[in-house]
Amino acid sequence: MKRFLSLMLAAGLAILGYGLLGSCQKKSEQVSIQAAPEAQVQQADKHTVRLLTDATGIDDKSFNAAAWRGILEFYGDTWNSMSKRGILYDVVTAQTQDMYVPNLRQAADEQYGLIATTGFTFADSVSEVAADNPGQNFLIVDVDWIDLPNVLNIVFAEQEGSYLVGVASAFKAQADGVKEPKFGFIGGIASPTITKFEVGFILGVLSVLPDAQFVEYYANDWGRPDLAKAQAKNWFDSDVYAIYSAAGGTGNGTIAQAKEYRLQGKNVWAIGVDSDQFEEGLFNDTDSAVLTSMLKQVETALIYALDAVQKDTFTGGVISLDLKTDGVGYAKTNKKALTEDIVAEIEAVKQQIVSGQIKVVSSLEEAQAASNFPQNIKCR
């Protein structure tokens, strides 16, 4: 049986420091490493961590970038220190999935205090390598089914944060006087995790605009912004008002297209994900094409795991971070678009979710039980 841990984000996490990460020397042509060649990561030390990412790397401005920030925060540096070299931490980016196991085995051989992986695509590889290295601590984000004593699984209630950005999009459409608004969702690779993003967003919009229409598209890739940009253009040209992307680096294409069109004076919006993507949407000094972003505090996952390793309290199991624990949320950075009255409406809904008055379901099957849930939505 999995061990589900209860995490209440109390003051202990809040006082943790800030940190940077660097990298190590390239061992394979298929492995991209962010590194300065002159420094070496200390090995066989519980204070060390290696972050392993997919091909989109820490420059995806979304999911992996948030994990990177968590390590930066823990070790006491800032985002602007990215080009520097960490003594206790580094990152390896696999260009293909067949490098996941070799990269994990290399990190285990080098005896890092923690090996951290981002995303469910690492699940099989982590299960294999962790079973072979019972003394090594592993963290995997977005997975809750690896039942090994040395693997900490951390998942998020993405449907709750997505519900809030859906509510935000709907209230903004109302404020703009948009008649019969349409909304789009762009996913990366279909999975139960991405379904939570899509279902939550749609339910949030429908709670305000019960007759809203929706379209969906899956790129089957985390690193193809060109595909998202082309789809976003097609949808915006077909009167889609706002597009929410949960697709890693692929979603940057949605933002790029929204920027182009808002610069031309068209009333369209991109909804960011994982990190606050307001700045990615800037098309002049002050205006952004990103209405809001669903914030997924991947930083918290890294900080929690690193703190546990250093305190010798690390254990396997499953932790779930939700709206109540500030594991998810929404960005209020675009103050020009998200006016005080709209934010007040969103905050009221947020409190209803936290109190349990509103329960946001996480699966397509549960969502389809709602009488007005669109039948064209398949989450794939």
Protein backbone atom coordinates (compact mmCIF):
# COMPACT_ATOMS: atom_id res chain seq x y z
CA MET A 1 0.00 0.00 0.00
CA LYS A 2 1.19 3.46 -0.78
CA ARG A 3 1.93 5.66 2.18
CA PHE A 4 0.09 8.90 1.78
CA LEU A 5 1.71 11.65 3.76
CA SER A 6 -0.08 14.70 5.02
CA LEU A 7 1.73 17.94 4.23
CA MET A 8 0.64 21.22 5.77
CA LEU A 9 2.86 24.00 4.51
CA ALA A 10 3.71 25.66 7.82
CA ALA A 11 6.31 28.20 8.72
CA GLY A 12 9.15 25.71 8.42
CA LEU A 13 9.01 25.72 4.63
CA ALA A 14 8.46 29.44 4.51
CA ILE A 15 11.78 30.21 6.13
CA LEU A 16 13.90 28.06 3.86
CA GLY A 17 16.56 29.86 1.87
CA TYR A 18 17.08 30.51 -1.79
CA GLY A 19 19.49 28.67 -4.14
CA LEU A 20 21.25 28.10 -7.46
CA LEU A 21 22.20 25.12 -9.52
CA GLY A 22 24.97 24.38 -11.92
CA SER A 23 26.03 21.13 -13.61
CA CYS A 24 28.70 18.68 -14.49
CA GLN A 25 30.71 17.43 -17.40
CA LYS A 26 29.07 15.90 -20.44
CA LYS A 27 29.19 12.09 -20.47
CA SER A 28 27.14 11.44 -23.62
CA GLU A 29 26.38 13.22 -26.86
CA GLN A 30 22.71 12.73 -26.10
CA VAL A 31 22.91 14.46 -22.73
CA SER A 32 22.77 18.24 -22.54
CA ILE A 33 24.25 19.61 -19.32
CA GLN A 34 24.07 23.17 -18.04
CA ALA A 35 27.57 23.60 -16.67
CA ALA A 36 30.70 25.62 -16.12
CA PRO A 37 33.65 23.30 -16.76
CA GLU A 38 35.84 24.55 -13.97
CA ALA A 39 33.67 23.42 -11.04
CA GLN A 40 32.89 19.97 -9.72
CA VAL A 41 29.86 18.90 -7.74
CA GLN A 42 30.69 17.33 -4.42
CA GLN A 43 29.71 13.68 -4.39
CA ALA A 44 28.69 11.23 -1.64
CA ASP A 45 27.23 14.18 0.27
CA LYS A 46 23.65 14.36 1.53
CA HIS A 47 23.63 18.07 0.68
CA THR A 48 23.99 17.46 -3.07
CA VAL A 49 21.22 17.20 -5.65
CA ARG A 50 21.02 16.47 -9.33
CA LEU A 51 17.97 17.54 -11.30
CA LEU A 52 17.15 15.41 -14.34
CA THR A 53 14.84 16.88 -16.98
CA ASP A 54 13.40 15.94 -20.34
CA ALA A 55 14.54 17.55 -23.58
CA THR A 56 12.85 20.88 -22.88
CA GLY A 57 15.30 21.54 -20.03
CA ILE A 58 15.17 24.31 -17.46
CA ASP A 59 14.62 26.92 -20.16
CA ASP A 60 11.03 25.80 -20.79
CA LYS A 61 9.82 28.84 -18.76
CA SER A 62 7.24 26.56 -17.19
CA PHE A 63 7.44 23.22 -15.35
CA ASN A 64 11.19 22.48 -15.37
CA ALA A 65 11.96 26.15 -14.77
CA ALA A 66 9.90 26.00 -11.59
CA ALA A 67 11.85 22.95 -10.37
CA TRP A 68 15.09 24.82 -11.08
CA ARG A 69 13.86 27.78 -9.06
CA GLY A 70 13.13 25.51 -6.11
CA ILE A 71 16.76 24.41 -6.03
CA LEU A 72 17.95 27.99 -6.49
CA GLU A 73 15.79 29.08 -3.56
CA PHE A 74 16.97 26.30 -1.28
CA TYR A 75 20.66 27.00 -1.80
CA GLY A 76 20.48 30.78 -1.51
CA ASP A 77 20.89 32.22 -4.97
CA THR A 78 18.58 33.91 -7.47
CA TRP A 79 17.22 33.24 -10.93
CA ASN A 80 19.75 35.68 -12.38
CA SER A 81 22.52 33.41 -11.13
CA MET A 82 21.63 30.71 -13.64
CA SER A 83 24.88 31.07 -15.52
CA LYS A 84 26.93 30.42 -12.38
CA ARG A 85 28.09 27.07 -11.11
CA GLY A 86 26.66 25.29 -8.12
CA ILE A 87 29.00 23.36 -5.86
CA LEU A 88 26.26 21.19 -4.42
CA TYR A 89 23.83 20.85 -7.31
CA ASP A 90 23.59 20.43 -11.06
CA VAL A 91 21.19 19.54 -13.86
CA VAL A 92 21.26 17.04 -16.71
CA THR A 93 18.88 17.32 -19.65
CA ALA A 94 18.15 14.17 -21.66
CA GLN A 95 17.54 14.85 -25.34
CA THR A 96 15.72 11.52 -25.74
CA GLN A 97 13.81 9.26 -23.34
CA ASP A 98 16.24 6.40 -23.88
CA MET A 99 18.76 8.46 -21.90
CA TYR A 100 16.57 8.55 -18.76
CA VAL A 101 17.88 5.29 -17.29
CA PRO A 102 21.57 5.97 -18.10
CA ASN A 103 21.29 9.47 -16.61
CA LEU A 104 19.63 8.13 -13.48
CA ARG A 105 22.22 5.37 -13.09
CA GLN A 106 25.06 7.84 -13.53
CA ALA A 107 23.61 10.09 -10.82
CA ALA A 108 23.12 7.10 -8.49
CA ASP A 109 26.72 5.99 -9.10
CA GLU A 110 27.89 9.47 -8.14
CA GLN A 111 25.89 9.23 -4.87
CA TYR A 112 23.96 12.48 -4.81
CA GLY A 113 22.00 13.25 -1.67
CA LEU A 114 18.89 13.58 -3.83
CA ILE A 115 18.10 12.75 -7.44
CA ALA A 116 15.10 14.79 -8.60
CA THR A 117 13.07 14.14 -11.73
CA THR A 118 10.28 16.18 -13.27
CA GLY A 119 7.27 14.61 -14.92
CA PHE A 120 5.45 11.31 -15.30
CA THR A 121 7.52 10.30 -18.33
CA PHE A 122 10.32 9.46 -15.86
CA ALA A 123 8.17 7.05 -13.85
CA ASP A 124 9.28 3.72 -15.35
CA SER A 125 12.94 4.73 -15.36
CA VAL A 126 12.85 5.93 -11.75
CA SER A 127 11.11 2.72 -10.66
CA GLU A 128 13.83 0.62 -12.29
CA VAL A 129 16.85 2.54 -11.03
CA ALA A 130 15.47 3.23 -7.55
CA ALA A 131 14.78 -0.48 -7.03
CA ASP A 132 18.42 -1.21 -7.88
CA ASN A 133 19.70 1.54 -5.55
CA PRO A 134 17.75 1.28 -2.28
CA GLY A 135 20.15 3.60 -0.43
CA GLN A 136 19.65 6.47 -2.89
CA ASN A 137 16.96 9.12 -2.36
CA PHE A 138 14.74 9.93 -5.34
CA LEU A 139 12.08 12.60 -5.89
CA ILE A 140 9.58 12.43 -8.75
CA VAL A 141 6.98 15.10 -9.41
CA ASP A 142 3.56 14.35 -10.96
CA VAL A 143 3.60 10.64 -10.07
CA ASP A 144 1.83 8.91 -7.18
CA TRP A 145 2.24 5.21 -7.94
CA ILE A 146 5.91 4.38 -7.27
CA ASP A 147 5.72 2.39 -4.03
CA LEU A 148 9.37 2.25 -2.99
CA PRO A 149 10.75 3.40 0.38
CA ASN A 150 13.40 5.58 -1.28
CA VAL A 151 11.09 7.39 -3.74
CA LEU A 152 9.13 10.47 -2.70
CA ASN A 153 6.19 11.08 -5.04
CA ILE A 154 4.76 14.61 -5.03
CA VAL A 155 1.56 15.43 -6.90
CA PHE A 156 -0.58 18.54 -7.18
CA ALA A 157 -4.26 19.37 -7.35
CA GLU A 158 -3.83 20.95 -10.78
CA GLN A 159 -7.59 20.86 -11.29
CA GLU A 160 -8.07 23.41 -8.49
CA GLY A 161 -5.63 25.98 -9.85
CA SER A 162 -6.95 25.38 -13.36
CA TYR A 163 -10.50 25.98 -12.15
CA LEU A 164 -9.41 29.42 -10.93
CA VAL A 165 -7.82 30.44 -14.24
CA GLY A 166 -10.98 29.19 -15.97
CA VAL A 167 -13.04 31.43 -13.70
CA ALA A 168 -10.67 34.32 -14.45
CA SER A 169 -11.01 33.78 -18.22
CA ALA A 170 -14.79 33.66 -18.00
CA PHE A 171 -15.14 36.80 -15.89
CA LYS A 172 -12.77 38.62 -18.24
CA ALA A 173 -14.87 37.56 -21.23
CA GLN A 174 -17.96 38.88 -19.44
CA ALA A 175 -16.22 42.16 -18.65
CA ASP A 176 -15.22 42.51 -22.31
CA GLY A 177 -18.78 41.89 -23.45
CA VAL A 178 -17.80 38.87 -25.55
CA LYS A 179 -20.91 37.13 -26.85
CA GLU A 180 -20.88 33.32 -27.04
CA PRO A 181 -17.17 33.08 -26.07
CA LYS A 182 -15.08 30.09 -27.10
CA PHE A 183 -12.14 28.72 -25.17
CA GLY A 184 -9.30 26.40 -26.16
CA PHE A 185 -7.05 23.95 -24.35
CA ILE A 186 -3.67 22.77 -25.67
CA GLY A 187 -2.10 19.76 -23.97
CA GLY A 188 1.37 18.28 -24.25
CA ILE A 189 1.19 14.51 -23.86
CA ALA A 190 -2.14 13.04 -22.75
CA SER A 191 -2.13 11.66 -19.20
CA PRO A 192 -4.23 11.76 -16.03
CA THR A 193 -2.15 14.75 -14.91
CA ILE A 194 -2.89 16.82 -18.02
CA THR A 195 -6.53 15.76 -17.81
CA LYS A 196 -6.67 17.49 -14.41
CA PHE A 197 -5.53 20.74 -16.04
CA GLU A 198 -8.08 20.53 -18.82
CA VAL A 199 -11.06 19.38 -16.75
CA GLY A 200 -10.44 21.99 -14.07
CA PHE A 201 -10.18 24.80 -16.60
CA ILE A 202 -13.37 23.83 -18.42
CA LEU A 203 -15.34 23.45 -15.19
CA GLY A 204 -14.10 26.84 -14.00
CA VAL A 205 -15.27 28.56 -17.18
CA LEU A 206 -18.61 26.74 -17.10
CA SER A 207 -19.24 27.84 -13.51
CA VAL A 208 -19.49 31.40 -14.85
CA LEU A 209 -20.52 30.83 -18.48
CA PRO A 210 -22.57 27.62 -18.60
CA ASP A 211 -23.04 27.84 -22.38
CA ALA A 212 -19.38 28.40 -23.28
CA GLN A 213 -17.88 26.36 -26.12
CA PHE A 214 -14.53 24.56 -26.04
CA VAL A 215 -11.96 23.09 -28.39
CA GLU A 216 -8.94 20.95 -27.52
CA TYR A 217 -5.66 19.90 -29.12
CA TYR A 218 -2.79 17.67 -27.96
CA ALA A 219 0.66 18.18 -29.47
CA ASN A 220 2.03 14.86 -28.12
CA ASP A 221 5.24 16.72 -27.33
CA TRP A 222 6.55 19.02 -24.61
CA GLY A 223 8.93 20.92 -26.87
CA ARG A 224 7.04 21.93 -30.03
CA PRO A 225 5.96 25.56 -29.64
CA ASP A 226 5.52 25.72 -33.41
CA LEU A 227 2.61 23.28 -33.18
CA ALA A 228 0.89 25.27 -30.44
CA LYS A 229 1.45 28.53 -32.31
CA ALA A 230 -0.13 27.19 -35.50
CA GLN A 231 -3.12 25.80 -33.59
CA ALA A 232 -3.53 29.00 -31.60
CA LYS A 233 -3.56 31.06 -34.81
CA ASN A 234 -6.23 28.80 -36.28
CA TRP A 235 -8.37 29.05 -33.16
CA PHE A 236 -7.94 32.79 -32.66
CA ASP A 237 -8.93 33.26 -36.30
CA SER A 238 -12.06 31.23 -35.49
CA ASP A 239 -13.06 33.55 -32.63
CA VAL A 240 -11.59 31.58 -29.74
CA TYR A 241 -11.19 34.13 -26.95
CA ALA A 242 -8.65 32.50 -24.61
CA ILE A 243 -6.38 29.44 -24.82
CA TYR A 244 -5.00 27.59 -21.82
CA SER A 245 -1.92 25.47 -22.51
CA ALA A 246 -0.59 22.72 -20.24
CA ALA A 247 2.18 21.58 -22.53
CA GLY A 248 5.55 22.59 -21.11
CA GLY A 249 7.67 24.40 -23.69
CA THR A 250 5.08 23.67 -26.37
CA GLY A 251 2.72 26.12 -24.73
CA ASN A 252 5.10 28.99 -25.40
CA GLY A 253 3.79 28.94 -28.95
CA THR A 254 0.33 29.88 -27.68
CA ILE A 255 1.78 32.88 -25.89
CA ALA A 256 3.76 33.90 -28.97
CA GLN A 257 0.65 33.91 -31.14
CA ALA A 258 -1.41 35.79 -28.56
CA LYS A 259 1.34 38.43 -28.38
CA GLU A 260 1.26 38.90 -32.15
CA TYR A 261 -2.48 39.29 -32.22
CA ARG A 262 -2.78 41.59 -29.22
CA LEU A 263 -0.11 43.78 -30.75
CA GLN A 264 -2.43 44.01 -33.76
CA GLY A 265 -5.28 45.02 -31.49
CA LYS A 266 -7.13 41.69 -31.40
CA ASN A 267 -8.84 40.77 -28.14
CA VAL A 268 -7.39 37.32 -27.49
CA TRP A 269 -5.61 35.84 -24.49
CA ALA A 270 -3.15 33.14 -23.54
CA ILE A 271 -3.34 31.49 -20.12
CA GLY A 272 0.03 30.51 -18.68
CA VAL A 273 0.85 27.40 -16.69
CA ASP A 274 3.12 26.17 -13.87
CA SER A 275 5.08 29.45 -13.63
CA ASP A 276 3.87 33.04 -13.85
CA GLN A 277 4.31 33.65 -17.58
CA PHE A 278 3.29 37.32 -17.56
CA GLU A 279 6.70 38.48 -18.76
CA GLU A 280 6.73 35.93 -21.58
CA GLY A 281 3.58 37.59 -22.88
CA LEU A 282 4.86 41.17 -22.87
CA PHE A 283 4.45 42.81 -26.27
CA ASN A 284 5.38 46.30 -25.08
CA ASP A 285 6.76 47.71 -21.86
CA THR A 286 3.64 47.12 -19.77
CA ASP A 287 1.07 45.02 -21.63
CA SER A 288 1.06 41.22 -21.66
CA ALA A 289 -0.91 38.73 -23.75
CA VAL A 290 -0.97 36.39 -20.74
CA LEU A 291 -4.16 37.09 -18.81
CA THR A 292 -3.13 34.92 -15.84
CA SER A 293 -1.20 31.73 -15.16
CA MET A 294 -2.03 28.61 -13.19
CA LEU A 295 0.72 28.45 -10.60
CA LYS A 296 1.97 25.00 -9.73
CA GLN A 297 4.47 25.31 -6.92
CA VAL A 298 7.00 22.76 -8.13
CA GLU A 299 9.50 24.85 -6.18
CA THR A 300 7.83 23.69 -2.98
CA ALA A 301 8.29 20.05 -3.94
CA LEU A 302 12.04 20.50 -4.41
CA ILE A 303 12.44 22.53 -1.24
CA TYR A 304 10.49 20.01 0.82
CA ALA A 305 12.53 17.05 -0.45
CA LEU A 306 15.88 18.80 -0.03
CA ASP A 307 15.01 19.87 3.49
CA ALA A 308 14.01 16.31 4.37
CA VAL A 309 17.29 14.93 3.01
CA GLN A 310 19.38 17.39 4.98
CA LYS A 311 17.43 16.71 8.17
CA ASP A 312 17.64 12.93 7.66
CA THR A 313 13.84 12.71 7.62
CA PHE A 314 13.49 11.75 3.97
CA THR A 315 11.09 8.88 3.31
CA GLY A 316 9.22 7.46 0.38
CA GLY A 317 5.49 7.88 -0.07
CA VAL A 318 3.05 10.29 -1.68
CA ILE A 319 2.43 13.94 -0.87
CA SER A 320 -0.38 15.94 -2.46
CA LEU A 321 -0.23 19.73 -2.63
CA ASP A 322 -3.49 21.59 -3.20
CA LEU A 323 -5.01 25.05 -3.00
CA LYS A 324 -5.30 24.83 0.79
CA THR A 325 -1.55 24.22 1.15
CA ASP A 326 -0.65 26.83 -1.49
CA GLY A 327 0.55 24.06 -3.77
CA VAL A 328 -1.41 25.59 -6.66
CA GLY A 329 -2.87 29.02 -7.36
CA TYR A 330 -3.14 31.71 -10.00
CA ALA A 331 -1.13 34.78 -10.99
CA LYS A 332 -2.48 38.30 -10.43
CA THR A 333 0.42 40.03 -12.19
CA ASN A 334 -1.60 41.36 -15.14
CA LYS A 335 -3.32 44.06 -13.14
CA LYS A 336 -4.49 45.92 -16.23
CA ALA A 337 -6.54 42.92 -17.34
CA LEU A 338 -7.41 41.31 -14.01
CA THR A 339 -9.11 44.27 -12.42
CA GLU A 340 -9.86 44.42 -8.70
CA ASP A 341 -13.46 43.36 -9.19
CA ILE A 342 -12.45 40.29 -11.21
CA VAL A 343 -9.81 39.33 -8.64
CA ALA A 344 -12.41 39.68 -5.88
CA GLU A 345 -14.66 37.22 -7.75
CA ILE A 346 -11.78 34.76 -8.17
CA GLU A 347 -10.79 35.06 -4.51
CA ALA A 348 -14.34 34.29 -3.44
CA VAL A 349 -14.29 31.12 -5.54
CA LYS A 350 -10.87 30.22 -4.15
CA GLN A 351 -12.19 30.36 -0.59
CA GLN A 352 -15.11 28.15 -1.56
CA ILE A 353 -12.69 25.53 -2.88
CA VAL A 354 -10.48 25.74 0.21
CA SER A 355 -13.48 25.39 2.51
CA GLY A 356 -14.80 22.42 0.57
CA GLN A 357 -17.94 24.18 -0.60
CA ILE A 358 -16.76 23.66 -4.18
CA LYS A 359 -15.19 20.31 -5.00
CA VAL A 360 -13.26 20.30 -8.27
CA VAL A 361 -13.18 16.83 -9.79
CA SER A 362 -10.02 15.60 -11.47
CA SER A 363 -11.09 12.99 -14.04
CA LEU A 364 -12.93 13.20 -17.34
CA GLU A 365 -15.47 10.64 -16.16
CA GLU A 366 -16.38 12.71 -13.11
CA ALA A 367 -16.53 15.90 -15.15
CA GLN A 368 -18.82 14.34 -17.74
CA ALA A 369 -21.36 13.78 -14.99
CA ALA A 370 -22.01 17.53 -15.11
CA SER A 371 -25.00 18.13 -17.38
CA ASN A 372 -23.34 20.96 -19.33
CA PHE A 373 -19.87 19.46 -19.74
CA PRO A 374 -19.04 19.57 -23.48
CA GLN A 375 -19.32 16.17 -25.11
CA ASN A 376 -16.64 16.99 -27.71
CA ILE A 377 -13.95 17.03 -25.02
CA LYS A 378 -11.95 13.77 -24.86
CA CYS A 379 -8.77 14.93 -23.06
CA ARG A 380 -6.52 13.51 -25.74
